[in-house]
Amino acid sequence: MERNEKLQAYWKENLRYISILLAIWFSVSYLAGILFADHLDSLKIGGFRLGFWFANQGSEVVFVVLIFVYVSLMNRLDRKYDVHED
């Protein structure tokens, strides 16, 4: 595989990861925290309504978790395409 083709494949895979992770974050922060909050309020987590929890804490917690997932995915992708730093 030519270097330019490898870099294009690397970037394409990177964009796929970003799209998937942003879709997950959107689902948690917007859908669960705003649109479905009333339906989720019937359940409780730690004494708080689940819709309230997603709107106030859930999106932040998921965002931090997604950062660690993205770092892990990118480290693996860097090694796969041999663009990692030692």
PDB file of N, CA and C in Angstrom:
ATOM      1  N   MET A   1       0.846  -1.178   0.000  1.00  0.00           N
ATOM      2  CA  MET A   1       0.000   0.000   0.000  1.00  0.00           C
ATOM      3  C   MET A   1       0.896   1.247   0.000  1.00  0.00           C
ATOM      4  N   GLU A   2       0.580   2.151  -0.859  1.00  0.00           N
ATOM      5  CA  GLU A   2       1.335   3.399  -0.955  1.00  0.00           C
ATOM      6  C   GLU A   2       1.088   4.271   0.276  1.00  0.00           C
ATOM      7  N   ARG A   3       2.081   5.073   0.626  1.00  0.00           N
ATOM      8  CA  ARG A   3       1.990   5.894   1.849  1.00  0.00           C
ATOM      9  C   ARG A   3       0.762   6.804   1.818  1.00  0.00           C
ATOM     10  N   ASN A   4       0.493   7.432   0.693  1.00  0.00           N
ATOM     11  CA  ASN A   4      -0.658   8.331   0.586  1.00  0.00           C
ATOM     12  C   ASN A   4      -1.969   7.569   0.783  1.00  0.00           C
ATOM     13  N   GLU A   5      -2.056   6.358   0.240  1.00  0.00           N
ATOM     14  CA  GLU A   5      -3.258   5.539   0.419  1.00  0.00           C
ATOM     15  C   GLU A   5      -3.421   5.137   1.881  1.00  0.00           C
ATOM     16  N   LYS A   6      -2.292   4.826   2.536  1.00  0.00           N
ATOM     17  CA  LYS A   6      -2.345   4.466   3.959  1.00  0.00           C
ATOM     18  C   LYS A   6      -2.840   5.637   4.800  1.00  0.00           C
ATOM     19  N   LEU A   7      -2.353   6.839   4.480  1.00  0.00           N
ATOM     20  CA  LEU A   7      -2.786   8.014   5.243  1.00  0.00           C
ATOM     21  C   LEU A   7      -4.262   8.323   5.001  1.00  0.00           C
ATOM     22  N   GLN A   8      -4.729   8.128   3.783  1.00  0.00           N
ATOM     23  CA  GLN A   8      -6.155   8.336   3.498  1.00  0.00           C
ATOM     24  C   GLN A   8      -7.012   7.305   4.230  1.00  0.00           C
ATOM     25  N   ALA A   9      -6.560   6.072   4.263  1.00  0.00           N
ATOM     26  CA  ALA A   9      -7.292   5.029   4.987  1.00  0.00           C
ATOM     27  C   ALA A   9      -7.295   5.328   6.486  1.00  0.00           C
ATOM     28  N   TYR A  10      -6.163   5.791   6.992  1.00  0.00           N
ATOM     29  CA  TYR A  10      -6.052   6.176   8.405  1.00  0.00           C
ATOM     30  C   TYR A  10      -7.052   7.280   8.738  1.00  0.00           C
ATOM     31  N   TRP A  11      -7.087   8.320   7.904  1.00  0.00           N
ATOM     32  CA  TRP A  11      -7.986   9.449   8.151  1.00  0.00           C
ATOM     33  C   TRP A  11      -9.443   9.022   8.045  1.00  0.00           C
ATOM     34  N   LYS A  12      -9.757   8.158   7.079  1.00  0.00           N
ATOM     35  CA  LYS A  12     -11.129   7.681   6.921  1.00  0.00           C
ATOM     36  C   LYS A  12     -11.580   6.905   8.154  1.00  0.00           C
ATOM     37  N   GLU A  13     -10.699   6.056   8.666  1.00  0.00           N
ATOM     38  CA  GLU A  13     -11.034   5.284   9.867  1.00  0.00           C
ATOM     39  C   GLU A  13     -11.165   6.192  11.090  1.00  0.00           C
ATOM     40  N   ASN A  14     -10.309   7.197  11.175  1.00  0.00           N
ATOM     41  CA  ASN A  14     -10.383   8.181  12.257  1.00  0.00           C
ATOM     42  C   ASN A  14     -11.728   8.917  12.224  1.00  0.00           C
ATOM     43  N   LEU A  15     -12.154   9.346  11.057  1.00  0.00           N
ATOM     44  CA  LEU A  15     -13.446  10.034  10.933  1.00  0.00           C
ATOM     45  C   LEU A  15     -14.612   9.119  11.301  1.00  0.00           C
ATOM     46  N   ARG A  16     -14.475   7.839  10.980  1.00  0.00           N
ATOM     47  CA  ARG A  16     -15.535   6.888  11.364  1.00  0.00           C
ATOM     48  C   ARG A  16     -15.631   6.779  12.876  1.00  0.00           C
ATOM     49  N   TYR A  17     -14.475   6.690  13.557  1.00  0.00           N
ATOM     50  CA  TYR A  17     -14.473   6.656  15.021  1.00  0.00           C
ATOM     51  C   TYR A  17     -15.106   7.910  15.602  1.00  0.00           C
ATOM     52  N   ILE A  18     -14.716   9.052  15.084  1.00  0.00           N
ATOM     53  CA  ILE A  18     -15.247  10.326  15.588  1.00  0.00           C
ATOM     54  C   ILE A  18     -16.754  10.386  15.401  1.00  0.00           C
ATOM     55  N   SER A  19     -17.245   9.969  14.223  1.00  0.00           N
ATOM     56  CA  SER A  19     -18.685  10.003  13.946  1.00  0.00           C
ATOM     57  C   SER A  19     -19.462   9.109  14.904  1.00  0.00           C
ATOM     58  N   ILE A  20     -18.949   7.916  15.150  1.00  0.00           N
ATOM     59  CA  ILE A  20     -19.633   6.981  16.042  1.00  0.00           C
ATOM     60  C   ILE A  20     -19.659   7.523  17.466  1.00  0.00           C
ATOM     61  N   LEU A  21     -18.517   8.021  17.936  1.00  0.00           N
ATOM     62  CA  LEU A  21     -18.452   8.527  19.312  1.00  0.00           C
ATOM     63  C   LEU A  21     -19.306   9.778  19.502  1.00  0.00           C
ATOM     64  N   LEU A  22     -19.332  10.660  18.507  1.00  0.00           N
ATOM     65  CA  LEU A  22     -20.192  11.845  18.602  1.00  0.00           C
ATOM     66  C   LEU A  22     -21.673  11.468  18.565  1.00  0.00           C
ATOM     67  N   ALA A  23     -22.013  10.435  17.796  1.00  0.00           N
ATOM     68  CA  ALA A  23     -23.406   9.966  17.771  1.00  0.00           C
ATOM     69  C   ALA A  23     -23.816   9.407  19.136  1.00  0.00           C
ATOM     70  N   ILE A  24     -22.895   8.700  19.783  1.00  0.00           N
ATOM     71  CA  ILE A  24     -23.182   8.187  21.125  1.00  0.00           C
ATOM     72  C   ILE A  24     -23.377   9.348  22.093  1.00  0.00           C
ATOM     73  N   TRP A  25     -22.492  10.332  22.048  1.00  0.00           N
ATOM     74  CA  TRP A  25     -22.605  11.468  22.953  1.00  0.00           C
ATOM     75  C   TRP A  25     -23.882  12.257  22.686  1.00  0.00           C
ATOM     76  N   PHE A  26     -24.239  12.444  21.409  1.00  0.00           N
ATOM     77  CA  PHE A  26     -25.479  13.130  21.061  1.00  0.00           C
ATOM     78  C   PHE A  26     -26.678  12.372  21.621  1.00  0.00           C
ATOM     79  N   SER A  27     -26.656  11.059  21.478  1.00  0.00           N
ATOM     80  CA  SER A  27     -27.772  10.248  21.976  1.00  0.00           C
ATOM     81  C   SER A  27     -27.951  10.403  23.477  1.00  0.00           C
ATOM     82  N   VAL A  28     -26.840  10.399  24.193  1.00  0.00           N
ATOM     83  CA  VAL A  28     -26.920  10.493  25.651  1.00  0.00           C
ATOM     84  C   VAL A  28     -27.293  11.905  26.079  1.00  0.00           C
ATOM     85  N   SER A  29     -26.631  12.909  25.513  1.00  0.00           N
ATOM     86  CA  SER A  29     -26.850  14.275  25.996  1.00  0.00           C
ATOM     87  C   SER A  29     -28.152  14.879  25.490  1.00  0.00           C
ATOM     88  N   TYR A  30     -28.459  14.712  24.218  1.00  0.00           N
ATOM     89  CA  TYR A  30     -29.649  15.366  23.670  1.00  0.00           C
ATOM     90  C   TYR A  30     -30.891  14.491  23.793  1.00  0.00           C
ATOM     91  N   LEU A  31     -30.791  13.266  23.300  1.00  0.00           N
ATOM     92  CA  LEU A  31     -31.974  12.406  23.307  1.00  0.00           C
ATOM     93  C   LEU A  31     -32.375  12.012  24.723  1.00  0.00           C
ATOM     94  N   ALA A  32     -31.431  11.449  25.488  1.00  0.00           N
ATOM     95  CA  ALA A  32     -31.766  10.996  26.840  1.00  0.00           C
ATOM     96  C   ALA A  32     -31.934  12.162  27.796  1.00  0.00           C
ATOM     97  N   GLY A  33     -31.151  13.229  27.614  1.00  0.00           N
ATOM     98  CA  GLY A  33     -31.194  14.348  28.552  1.00  0.00           C
ATOM     99  C   GLY A  33     -32.299  15.343  28.295  1.00  0.00           C
ATOM    100  N   ILE A  34     -32.794  15.412  27.053  1.00  0.00           N
ATOM    101  CA  ILE A  34     -33.804  16.426  26.737  1.00  0.00           C
ATOM    102  C   ILE A  34     -35.091  15.792  26.219  1.00  0.00           C
ATOM    103  N   LEU A  35     -35.006  15.071  25.103  1.00  0.00           N
ATOM    104  CA  LEU A  35     -36.217  14.560  24.467  1.00  0.00           C
ATOM    105  C   LEU A  35     -36.916  13.467  25.272  1.00  0.00           C
ATOM    106  N   PHE A  36     -36.151  12.536  25.815  1.00  0.00           N
ATOM    107  CA  PHE A  36     -36.741  11.417  26.540  1.00  0.00           C
ATOM    108  C   PHE A  36     -36.657  11.578  28.050  1.00  0.00           C
ATOM    109  N   ALA A  37     -36.326  12.760  28.515  1.00  0.00           N
ATOM    110  CA  ALA A  37     -36.144  12.985  29.957  1.00  0.00           C
ATOM    111  C   ALA A  37     -37.423  12.698  30.739  1.00  0.00           C
ATOM    112  N   ASP A  38     -38.558  13.105  30.213  1.00  0.00           N
ATOM    113  CA  ASP A  38     -39.818  12.874  30.922  1.00  0.00           C
ATOM    114  C   ASP A  38     -40.112  11.379  31.069  1.00  0.00           C
ATOM    115  N   HIS A  39     -39.822  10.613  30.041  1.00  0.00           N
ATOM    116  CA  HIS A  39     -40.055   9.169  30.107  1.00  0.00           C
ATOM    117  C   HIS A  39     -39.061   8.495  31.053  1.00  0.00           C
ATOM    118  N   LEU A  40     -37.824   8.993  31.062  1.00  0.00           N
ATOM    119  CA  LEU A  40     -36.808   8.404  31.925  1.00  0.00           C
ATOM    120  C   LEU A  40     -36.991   8.783  33.389  1.00  0.00           C
ATOM    121  N   ASP A  41     -37.763   9.833  33.653  1.00  0.00           N
ATOM    122  CA  ASP A  41     -37.969  10.279  35.029  1.00  0.00           C
ATOM    123  C   ASP A  41     -38.733   9.261  35.872  1.00  0.00           C
ATOM    124  N   SER A  42     -39.347   8.286  35.229  1.00  0.00           N
ATOM    125  CA  SER A  42     -40.061   7.270  36.004  1.00  0.00           C
ATOM    126  C   SER A  42     -39.088   6.318  36.705  1.00  0.00           C
ATOM    127  N   LEU A  43     -37.835   6.287  36.255  1.00  0.00           N
ATOM    128  CA  LEU A  43     -36.800   5.465  36.885  1.00  0.00           C
ATOM    129  C   LEU A  43     -35.917   6.347  37.757  1.00  0.00           C
ATOM    130  N   LYS A  44     -35.311   5.750  38.770  1.00  0.00           N
ATOM    131  CA  LYS A  44     -34.443   6.522  39.655  1.00  0.00           C
ATOM    132  C   LYS A  44     -33.064   5.884  39.743  1.00  0.00           C
ATOM    133  N   ILE A  45     -32.052   6.743  39.864  1.00  0.00           N
ATOM    134  CA  ILE A  45     -30.656   6.322  40.077  1.00  0.00           C
ATOM    135  C   ILE A  45     -30.147   7.103  41.267  1.00  0.00           C
ATOM    136  N   GLY A  46     -29.749   6.436  42.303  1.00  0.00           N
ATOM    137  CA  GLY A  46     -29.216   7.112  43.485  1.00  0.00           C
ATOM    138  C   GLY A  46     -30.173   8.128  44.085  1.00  0.00           C
ATOM    139  N   GLY A  47     -31.470   7.887  43.979  1.00  0.00           N
ATOM    140  CA  GLY A  47     -32.456   8.802  44.527  1.00  0.00           C
ATOM    141  C   GLY A  47     -32.862   9.915  43.582  1.00  0.00           C
ATOM    142  N   PHE A  48     -32.207  10.021  42.428  1.00  0.00           N
ATOM    143  CA  PHE A  48     -32.537  11.065  41.458  1.00  0.00           C
ATOM    144  C   PHE A  48     -33.255  10.449  40.267  1.00  0.00           C
ATOM    145  N   ARG A  49     -34.150  11.217  39.680  1.00  0.00           N
ATOM    146  CA  ARG A  49     -34.839  10.757  38.478  1.00  0.00           C
ATOM    147  C   ARG A  49     -33.814  10.594  37.359  1.00  0.00           C
ATOM    148  N   LEU A  50     -33.955   9.540  36.561  1.00  0.00           N
ATOM    149  CA  LEU A  50     -32.978   9.209  35.526  1.00  0.00           C
ATOM    150  C   LEU A  50     -32.887  10.296  34.459  1.00  0.00           C
ATOM    151  N   GLY A  51     -33.987  10.898  34.076  1.00  0.00           N
ATOM    152  CA  GLY A  51     -33.952  11.984  33.098  1.00  0.00           C
ATOM    153  C   GLY A  51     -33.178  13.179  33.618  1.00  0.00           C
ATOM    154  N   PHE A  52     -33.386  13.507  34.882  1.00  0.00           N
ATOM    155  CA  PHE A  52     -32.639  14.593  35.523  1.00  0.00           C
ATOM    156  C   PHE A  52     -31.150  14.260  35.562  1.00  0.00           C
ATOM    157  N   TRP A  53     -30.817  13.006  35.892  1.00  0.00           N
ATOM    158  CA  TRP A  53     -29.420  12.594  35.968  1.00  0.00           C
ATOM    159  C   TRP A  53     -28.732  12.718  34.616  1.00  0.00           C
ATOM    160  N   PHE A  54     -29.391  12.246  33.542  1.00  0.00           N
ATOM    161  CA  PHE A  54     -28.800  12.354  32.208  1.00  0.00           C
ATOM    162  C   PHE A  54     -28.608  13.807  31.805  1.00  0.00           C
ATOM    163  N   ALA A  55     -29.563  14.656  32.127  1.00  0.00           N
ATOM    164  CA  ALA A  55     -29.462  16.062  31.749  1.00  0.00           C
ATOM    165  C   ALA A  55     -28.347  16.770  32.498  1.00  0.00           C
ATOM    166  N   ASN A  56     -28.079  16.376  33.739  1.00  0.00           N
ATOM    167  CA  ASN A  56     -27.103  17.096  34.552  1.00  0.00           C
ATOM    168  C   ASN A  56     -25.749  16.414  34.669  1.00  0.00           C
ATOM    169  N   GLN A  57     -25.714  15.117  34.753  1.00  0.00           N
ATOM    170  CA  GLN A  57     -24.446  14.419  34.955  1.00  0.00           C
ATOM    171  C   GLN A  57     -24.122  13.420  33.853  1.00  0.00           C
ATOM    172  N   GLY A  58     -25.118  12.799  33.309  1.00  0.00           N
ATOM    173  CA  GLY A  58     -24.901  11.711  32.364  1.00  0.00           C
ATOM    174  C   GLY A  58     -24.094  12.090  31.149  1.00  0.00           C
ATOM    175  N   SER A  59     -24.414  13.225  30.544  1.00  0.00           N
ATOM    176  CA  SER A  59     -23.687  13.610  29.335  1.00  0.00           C
ATOM    177  C   SER A  59     -22.232  13.927  29.649  1.00  0.00           C
ATOM    178  N   GLU A  60     -21.959  14.497  30.812  1.00  0.00           N
ATOM    179  CA  GLU A  60     -20.577  14.801  31.186  1.00  0.00           C
ATOM    180  C   GLU A  60     -19.794  13.526  31.461  1.00  0.00           C
ATOM    181  N   VAL A  61     -20.405  12.586  32.169  1.00  0.00           N
ATOM    182  CA  VAL A  61     -19.735  11.328  32.478  1.00  0.00           C
ATOM    183  C   VAL A  61     -19.454  10.558  31.188  1.00  0.00           C
ATOM    184  N   VAL A  62     -20.445  10.482  30.324  1.00  0.00           N
ATOM    185  CA  VAL A  62     -20.271   9.772  29.057  1.00  0.00           C
ATOM    186  C   VAL A  62     -19.211  10.464  28.206  1.00  0.00           C
ATOM    187  N   PHE A  63     -19.165  11.794  28.205  1.00  0.00           N
ATOM    188  CA  PHE A  63     -18.158  12.526  27.447  1.00  0.00           C
ATOM    189  C   PHE A  63     -16.742  12.158  27.914  1.00  0.00           C
ATOM    190  N   VAL A  64     -16.526  12.118  29.209  1.00  0.00           N
ATOM    191  CA  VAL A  64     -15.205  11.765  29.740  1.00  0.00           C
ATOM    192  C   VAL A  64     -14.847  10.324  29.386  1.00  0.00           C
ATOM    193  N   VAL A  65     -15.811   9.422  29.492  1.00  0.00           N
ATOM    194  CA  VAL A  65     -15.566   8.023  29.125  1.00  0.00           C
ATOM    195  C   VAL A  65     -15.230   7.927  27.634  1.00  0.00           C
ATOM    196  N   LEU A  66     -15.945   8.685  26.805  1.00  0.00           N
ATOM    197  CA  LEU A  66     -15.678   8.656  25.369  1.00  0.00           C
ATOM    198  C   LEU A  66     -14.305   9.207  25.024  1.00  0.00           C
ATOM    199  N   ILE A  67     -13.800  10.142  25.807  1.00  0.00           N
ATOM    200  CA  ILE A  67     -12.440  10.638  25.588  1.00  0.00           C
ATOM    201  C   ILE A  67     -11.443   9.508  25.773  1.00  0.00           C
ATOM    202  N   PHE A  68     -11.587   8.732  26.844  1.00  0.00           N
ATOM    203  CA  PHE A  68     -10.684   7.611  27.074  1.00  0.00           C
ATOM    204  C   PHE A  68     -10.834   6.536  26.000  1.00  0.00           C
ATOM    205  N   VAL A  69     -12.053   6.291  25.560  1.00  0.00           N
ATOM    206  CA  VAL A  69     -12.276   5.324  24.481  1.00  0.00           C
ATOM    207  C   VAL A  69     -11.605   5.809  23.201  1.00  0.00           C
ATOM    208  N   TYR A  70     -11.730   7.096  22.891  1.00  0.00           N
ATOM    209  CA  TYR A  70     -11.121   7.647  21.689  1.00  0.00           C
ATOM    210  C   TYR A  70      -9.599   7.548  21.743  1.00  0.00           C
ATOM    211  N   VAL A  71      -9.018   7.839  22.879  1.00  0.00           N
ATOM    212  CA  VAL A  71      -7.561   7.727  23.027  1.00  0.00           C
ATOM    213  C   VAL A  71      -7.124   6.286  22.789  1.00  0.00           C
ATOM    214  N   SER A  72      -7.841   5.344  23.360  1.00  0.00           N
ATOM    215  CA  SER A  72      -7.512   3.936  23.176  1.00  0.00           C
ATOM    216  C   SER A  72      -7.629   3.530  21.706  1.00  0.00           C
ATOM    217  N   LEU A  73      -8.721   3.935  21.066  1.00  0.00           N
ATOM    218  CA  LEU A  73      -8.918   3.609  19.655  1.00  0.00           C
ATOM    219  C   LEU A  73      -7.837   4.231  18.778  1.00  0.00           C
ATOM    220  N   MET A  74      -7.466   5.463  19.079  1.00  0.00           N
ATOM    221  CA  MET A  74      -6.461   6.141  18.261  1.00  0.00           C
ATOM    222  C   MET A  74      -5.077   5.545  18.476  1.00  0.00           C
ATOM    223  N   ASN A  75      -4.749   5.118  19.670  1.00  0.00           N
ATOM    224  CA  ASN A  75      -3.468   4.455  19.905  1.00  0.00           C
ATOM    225  C   ASN A  75      -3.381   3.160  19.096  1.00  0.00           C
ATOM    226  N   ARG A  76      -4.479   2.415  19.085  1.00  0.00           N
ATOM    227  CA  ARG A  76      -4.518   1.184  18.307  1.00  0.00           C
ATOM    228  C   ARG A  76      -4.431   1.480  16.804  1.00  0.00           C
ATOM    229  N   LEU A  77      -5.132   2.524  16.368  1.00  0.00           N
ATOM    230  CA  LEU A  77      -5.109   2.908  14.956  1.00  0.00           C
ATOM    231  C   LEU A  77      -3.720   3.398  14.543  1.00  0.00           C
ATOM    232  N   ASP A  78      -3.064   4.144  15.404  1.00  0.00           N
ATOM    233  CA  ASP A  78      -1.706   4.622  15.119  1.00  0.00           C
ATOM    234  C   ASP A  78      -0.744   3.455  14.929  1.00  0.00           C
ATOM    235  N   ARG A  79      -0.866   2.445  15.772  1.00  0.00           N
ATOM    236  CA  ARG A  79       0.006   1.272  15.631  1.00  0.00           C
ATOM    237  C   ARG A  79      -0.327   0.485  14.361  1.00  0.00           C
ATOM    238  N   LYS A  80      -1.603   0.427  14.031  1.00  0.00           N
ATOM    239  CA  LYS A  80      -2.027  -0.309  12.838  1.00  0.00           C
ATOM    240  C   LYS A  80      -1.425   0.311  11.578  1.00  0.00           C
ATOM    241  N   TYR A  81      -1.418   1.630  11.495  1.00  0.00           N
ATOM    242  CA  TYR A  81      -0.903   2.323  10.308  1.00  0.00           C
ATOM    243  C   TYR A  81       0.536   2.801  10.484  1.00  0.00           C
ATOM    244  N   ASP A  82       1.172   2.391  11.553  1.00  0.00           N
ATOM    245  CA  ASP A  82       2.571   2.703  11.834  1.00  0.00           C
ATOM    246  C   ASP A  82       2.854   4.216  11.819  1.00  0.00           C
ATOM    247  N   VAL A  83       2.011   4.966  12.501  1.00  0.00           N
ATOM    248  CA  VAL A  83       2.224   6.404  12.643  1.00  0.00           C
ATOM    249  C   VAL A  83       2.322   6.785  14.127  1.00  0.00           C
ATOM    250  N   HIS A  84       2.571   5.779  14.960  1.00  0.00           N
ATOM    251  CA  HIS A  84       2.633   6.009  16.398  1.00  0.00           C
ATOM    252  C   HIS A  84       3.959   6.635  16.784  1.00  0.00           C
ATOM    253  N   GLU A  85       3.946   7.272  17.952  1.00  0.00           N
ATOM    254  CA  GLU A  85       5.159   7.866  18.507  1.00  0.00           C
ATOM    255  C   GLU A  85       5.663   6.969  19.624  1.00  0.00           C
ATOM    256  N   ASP A  86       6.943   6.745  19.657  1.00  0.00           N
ATOM    257  CA  ASP A  86       7.515   5.915  20.721  1.00  0.00           C
ATOM    258  C   ASP A  86       8.089   6.757  21.816  1.00  0.00           C
TER     259      ASP A  86
END
